[in-house]
Amino acid sequence: MAAAPRSFKYYEFVMVAFVTLLVCSNLIGPAKIAQVDFPVVGLLTFGAGVLFFPISYVFGDVLTEVYGYARSRRVIWAGFAALGFASFMAWAVVALPPAPFWKNQEAYEIAFGQAWRIAAASMFAYFCGEFVNSFVLAKMKILTAGRWLWTRTIGSTIFGEAVDSSLFYPLAFYGTGIIPDDKLPLVMLSQFVAKVSVEVLFTPVTYFLVGWLKRSEGVDHYDRDTQFTPFTLKI
């Protein structure tokens, strides 16, 4: 008889944090375009969600580093399901006919009325990017024998965010006129750099969370015999 999967004290809390960040950054952030005048760098224009979406990669790194690829895979699927339901719910609520006395339909559509193409592109890019991130980190952990955590958290994010950005923007905006086609590479590059920069800035937080969880859970997983297919929920 196969042994029951080991239970952990904080795994579910990390999962909830990951899914919450993912859904909020995809539903709340994209509706606002921010512009901030930074010292030295100058005036930057960006989608507000870019400030928070990369933090989901921090939690993705923590999950794979501490609990392993298989448990991280379950969380990625949980995030995918939550994002899918949130997108469907937003579409359904926006589509409902407003009461005659309710005057906020236009504002609601702006905030939550993502086109199906953008929502589908976001989900597909997330799915691919997160699995690439988790796979690269798991493999790098073996190659580095568990040393130099920063190399794999940043390195895996570079690969994951590169896949995410290179898929999302063309799939969501190419040929639509929302973003001129000739500007898409620049937008992709700027978003990629911004997201990786957030990961770099959060490196001390990642170190703290990883160290604390490893000590608290008594686990430091290495994916030496892991089946890396994304299409299973087995641990």
Protein backbone atom coordinates (compact mmCIF):
# COMPACT_ATOMS: atom_id res chain seq x y z
CA MET A 1 0.00 0.00 0.00
CA ALA A 2 1.36 3.42 -0.97
CA ALA A 3 2.12 5.78 1.88
CA ALA A 4 -0.22 8.71 2.34
CA PRO A 5 1.22 12.05 1.18
CA ARG A 6 2.84 13.98 3.99
CA SER A 7 0.86 16.89 5.41
CA PHE A 8 2.36 20.29 6.16
CA LYS A 9 1.42 23.13 8.48
CA TYR A 10 1.76 26.04 6.08
CA TYR A 11 1.44 24.61 2.56
CA GLU A 12 -2.24 25.57 2.25
CA PHE A 13 -1.55 29.10 3.46
CA VAL A 14 1.13 29.59 0.80
CA MET A 15 -1.33 28.22 -1.77
CA VAL A 16 -4.02 30.69 -0.69
CA ALA A 17 -1.55 33.59 -0.83
CA PHE A 18 -0.48 32.56 -4.34
CA VAL A 19 -4.02 32.22 -5.70
CA THR A 20 -5.18 35.46 -4.06
CA LEU A 21 -2.30 37.42 -5.56
CA LEU A 22 -2.89 35.86 -8.96
CA VAL A 23 -6.62 36.61 -9.11
CA CYS A 24 -6.32 40.12 -7.68
CA SER A 25 -3.45 41.14 -9.93
CA ASN A 26 -5.34 39.91 -13.00
CA LEU A 27 -8.72 41.44 -12.10
CA ILE A 28 -7.85 44.63 -10.21
CA GLY A 29 -4.54 45.67 -11.73
CA PRO A 30 -5.07 45.64 -15.52
CA ALA A 31 -7.89 48.20 -15.54
CA LYS A 32 -5.58 51.05 -14.50
CA ILE A 33 -2.64 52.49 -16.38
CA ALA A 34 -0.31 54.30 -13.98
CA GLN A 35 2.38 56.88 -14.66
CA VAL A 36 5.06 57.64 -12.09
CA ASP A 37 8.07 59.95 -12.29
CA PHE A 38 10.90 57.96 -10.70
CA PRO A 39 14.21 59.51 -9.67
CA VAL A 40 17.01 58.82 -12.17
CA VAL A 41 14.79 56.58 -14.33
CA GLY A 42 12.29 59.29 -15.20
CA LEU A 43 8.64 59.04 -16.23
CA LEU A 44 7.34 55.47 -16.55
CA THR A 45 3.92 54.34 -17.75
CA PHE A 46 2.78 50.84 -16.80
CA GLY A 47 -0.23 48.68 -16.04
CA ALA A 48 -0.83 48.76 -12.30
CA GLY A 49 -0.99 44.97 -12.13
CA VAL A 50 2.71 44.73 -12.94
CA LEU A 51 3.49 45.78 -9.37
CA PHE A 52 1.79 42.75 -7.84
CA PHE A 53 1.65 39.94 -10.43
CA PRO A 54 5.40 39.18 -10.13
CA ILE A 55 4.91 38.51 -6.41
CA SER A 56 3.01 35.37 -7.45
CA TYR A 57 6.32 34.19 -8.92
CA VAL A 58 7.92 34.73 -5.52
CA PHE A 59 5.37 32.38 -3.97
CA GLY A 60 5.81 29.99 -6.89
CA ASP A 61 9.55 29.92 -6.18
CA VAL A 62 8.92 29.31 -2.49
CA LEU A 63 6.52 26.45 -3.22
CA THR A 64 8.90 24.64 -5.56
CA GLU A 65 12.01 25.29 -3.45
CA VAL A 66 10.44 24.06 -0.21
CA TYR A 67 7.72 21.56 -1.19
CA GLY A 68 8.85 20.46 -4.66
CA TYR A 69 7.51 20.60 -8.20
CA ALA A 70 4.61 18.17 -7.68
CA ARG A 71 3.02 20.22 -4.92
CA SER A 72 3.74 23.44 -6.79
CA ARG A 73 1.98 21.88 -9.81
CA ARG A 74 -1.21 21.44 -7.76
CA VAL A 75 -1.08 25.10 -6.74
CA ILE A 76 -0.59 26.23 -10.34
CA TRP A 77 -3.68 24.25 -11.34
CA ALA A 78 -5.60 25.75 -8.40
CA GLY A 79 -4.59 29.21 -9.60
CA PHE A 80 -5.62 28.36 -13.15
CA ALA A 81 -9.06 27.22 -12.00
CA ALA A 82 -9.52 30.29 -9.79
CA LEU A 83 -8.47 32.62 -12.59
CA GLY A 84 -10.83 30.88 -15.00
CA PHE A 85 -13.77 31.16 -12.61
CA ALA A 86 -12.98 34.79 -11.79
CA SER A 87 -12.86 35.63 -15.50
CA PHE A 88 -16.18 33.84 -16.11
CA MET A 89 -17.79 35.56 -13.12
CA ALA A 90 -16.57 38.98 -14.29
CA TRP A 91 -18.00 38.31 -17.77
CA ALA A 92 -21.34 37.09 -16.38
CA VAL A 93 -21.77 40.01 -13.96
CA VAL A 94 -20.85 42.60 -16.60
CA ALA A 95 -23.26 40.97 -19.08
CA LEU A 96 -26.24 41.12 -16.70
CA PRO A 97 -28.60 43.98 -17.69
CA PRO A 98 -28.25 46.83 -15.18
CA ALA A 99 -31.20 48.19 -13.26
CA PRO A 100 -32.50 51.48 -14.72
CA PHE A 101 -31.53 53.42 -11.60
CA TRP A 102 -27.97 52.00 -11.47
CA LYS A 103 -25.66 54.38 -13.31
CA ASN A 104 -22.29 52.63 -12.92
CA GLN A 105 -22.44 50.07 -15.74
CA GLU A 106 -19.86 51.86 -17.90
CA ALA A 107 -17.37 52.12 -15.05
CA TYR A 108 -17.96 48.48 -14.18
CA GLU A 109 -17.32 47.43 -17.78
CA ILE A 110 -14.06 49.39 -17.85
CA ALA A 111 -12.86 47.80 -14.60
CA PHE A 112 -13.99 44.20 -15.13
CA GLY A 113 -15.06 43.83 -18.75
CA GLN A 114 -11.94 42.19 -20.15
CA ALA A 115 -12.42 40.92 -23.69
CA TRP A 116 -12.45 37.13 -24.04
CA ARG A 117 -9.23 37.31 -26.06
CA ILE A 118 -7.35 39.12 -23.28
CA ALA A 119 -8.69 36.79 -20.58
CA ALA A 120 -7.79 33.67 -22.61
CA ALA A 121 -4.32 35.04 -23.40
CA SER A 122 -3.75 35.84 -19.73
CA MET A 123 -4.72 32.34 -18.61
CA PHE A 124 -2.63 30.58 -21.27
CA ALA A 125 0.43 32.76 -20.62
CA TYR A 126 0.10 32.26 -16.86
CA PHE A 127 -0.19 28.48 -17.25
CA CYS A 128 2.92 28.21 -19.45
CA GLY A 129 4.98 30.78 -17.54
CA GLU A 130 4.37 29.29 -14.10
CA PHE A 131 5.19 25.75 -15.18
CA VAL A 132 8.39 26.92 -16.87
CA ASN A 133 9.31 28.85 -13.71
CA SER A 134 8.73 25.83 -11.46
CA PHE A 135 10.52 23.39 -13.81
CA VAL A 136 13.61 25.59 -14.19
CA LEU A 137 13.87 26.19 -10.45
CA ALA A 138 13.54 22.47 -9.65
CA LYS A 139 16.24 21.54 -12.16
CA MET A 140 18.56 24.36 -11.06
CA LYS A 141 18.23 23.26 -7.43
CA ILE A 142 19.67 19.87 -8.35
CA LEU A 143 22.41 21.40 -10.52
CA THR A 144 23.46 23.77 -7.72
CA ALA A 145 23.09 21.11 -5.00
CA GLY A 146 20.77 23.46 -3.13
CA ARG A 147 23.28 26.32 -3.00
CA TRP A 148 22.93 29.88 -4.27
CA LEU A 149 19.17 30.20 -3.89
CA TRP A 150 19.18 33.62 -5.55
CA THR A 151 20.48 32.16 -8.83
CA ARG A 152 17.50 29.87 -9.23
CA THR A 153 14.81 32.24 -7.95
CA ILE A 154 15.94 34.96 -10.34
CA GLY A 155 16.96 32.57 -13.11
CA SER A 156 13.65 30.70 -13.07
CA THR A 157 11.76 33.99 -13.04
CA ILE A 158 13.68 35.20 -16.09
CA PHE A 159 12.57 32.11 -18.02
CA GLY A 160 9.03 32.10 -16.65
CA GLU A 161 8.37 35.80 -17.17
CA ALA A 162 9.94 35.67 -20.64
CA VAL A 163 7.47 32.95 -21.62
CA ASP A 164 4.57 34.79 -19.96
CA SER A 165 5.29 38.15 -21.63
CA SER A 166 6.15 36.71 -25.05
CA LEU A 167 2.86 34.80 -25.12
CA PHE A 168 0.44 37.23 -23.49
CA TYR A 169 1.01 40.44 -25.43
CA PRO A 170 0.90 39.05 -28.99
CA LEU A 171 -2.03 36.75 -28.18
CA ALA A 172 -3.98 39.52 -26.45
CA PHE A 173 -3.20 42.58 -28.57
CA TYR A 174 -1.67 41.73 -31.95
CA GLY A 175 -3.81 43.15 -34.73
CA THR A 176 -6.32 44.78 -32.36
CA GLY A 177 -5.00 48.34 -32.54
CA ILE A 178 -5.15 48.67 -28.74
CA ILE A 179 -1.36 48.58 -28.76
CA PRO A 180 0.26 49.31 -32.15
CA ASP A 181 1.82 46.12 -33.51
CA ASP A 182 5.22 47.78 -33.94
CA LYS A 183 5.18 48.79 -30.26
CA LEU A 184 4.44 45.31 -28.91
CA PRO A 185 8.12 44.24 -28.64
CA LEU A 186 8.93 47.36 -26.62
CA VAL A 187 5.93 46.81 -24.32
CA MET A 188 6.87 43.16 -23.86
CA LEU A 189 10.46 44.06 -23.03
CA SER A 190 9.52 46.79 -20.56
CA GLN A 191 7.01 44.55 -18.76
CA PHE A 192 9.52 41.70 -18.65
CA VAL A 193 12.21 43.94 -17.16
CA ALA A 194 9.76 45.38 -14.62
CA LYS A 195 8.57 41.96 -13.49
CA VAL A 196 12.06 40.51 -13.14
CA SER A 197 13.11 43.65 -11.25
CA VAL A 198 10.32 43.04 -8.72
CA GLU A 199 11.62 39.50 -8.24
CA VAL A 200 15.14 40.84 -7.63
CA LEU A 201 13.86 43.38 -5.11
CA PHE A 202 11.95 40.67 -3.25
CA THR A 203 14.97 38.34 -3.03
CA PRO A 204 15.51 39.06 0.71
CA VAL A 205 11.82 38.27 1.35
CA THR A 206 12.15 35.04 -0.64
CA TYR A 207 15.21 34.04 1.40
CA PHE A 208 13.35 34.70 4.64
CA LEU A 209 10.23 32.75 3.63
CA VAL A 210 12.20 29.80 2.25
CA GLY A 211 14.43 29.56 5.33
CA TRP A 212 11.52 29.89 7.76
CA LEU A 213 9.35 27.33 5.96
CA LYS A 214 12.16 24.79 5.64
CA ARG A 215 12.82 25.00 9.38
CA SER A 216 9.14 25.01 10.35
CA GLU A 217 8.08 22.20 8.02
CA GLY A 218 11.27 20.14 8.35
CA VAL A 219 11.46 19.69 4.59
CA ASP A 220 13.81 20.67 1.76
CA HIS A 221 12.59 18.85 -1.35
CA TYR A 222 14.76 17.85 -4.31
CA ASP A 223 12.97 16.77 -7.50
CA ARG A 224 15.34 13.97 -8.48
CA ASP A 225 12.66 11.40 -9.37
CA THR A 226 9.80 13.73 -10.23
CA GLN A 227 7.56 13.30 -13.27
CA PHE A 228 7.52 16.80 -14.72
CA THR A 229 4.40 16.54 -16.84
CA PRO A 230 2.03 19.43 -15.98
CA PHE A 231 -1.04 17.29 -16.73
CA THR A 232 -1.48 15.48 -13.46
CA LEU A 233 -2.27 16.33 -9.86
CA LYS A 234 -0.42 13.40 -8.33
CA ILE A 235 2.19 14.06 -5.65
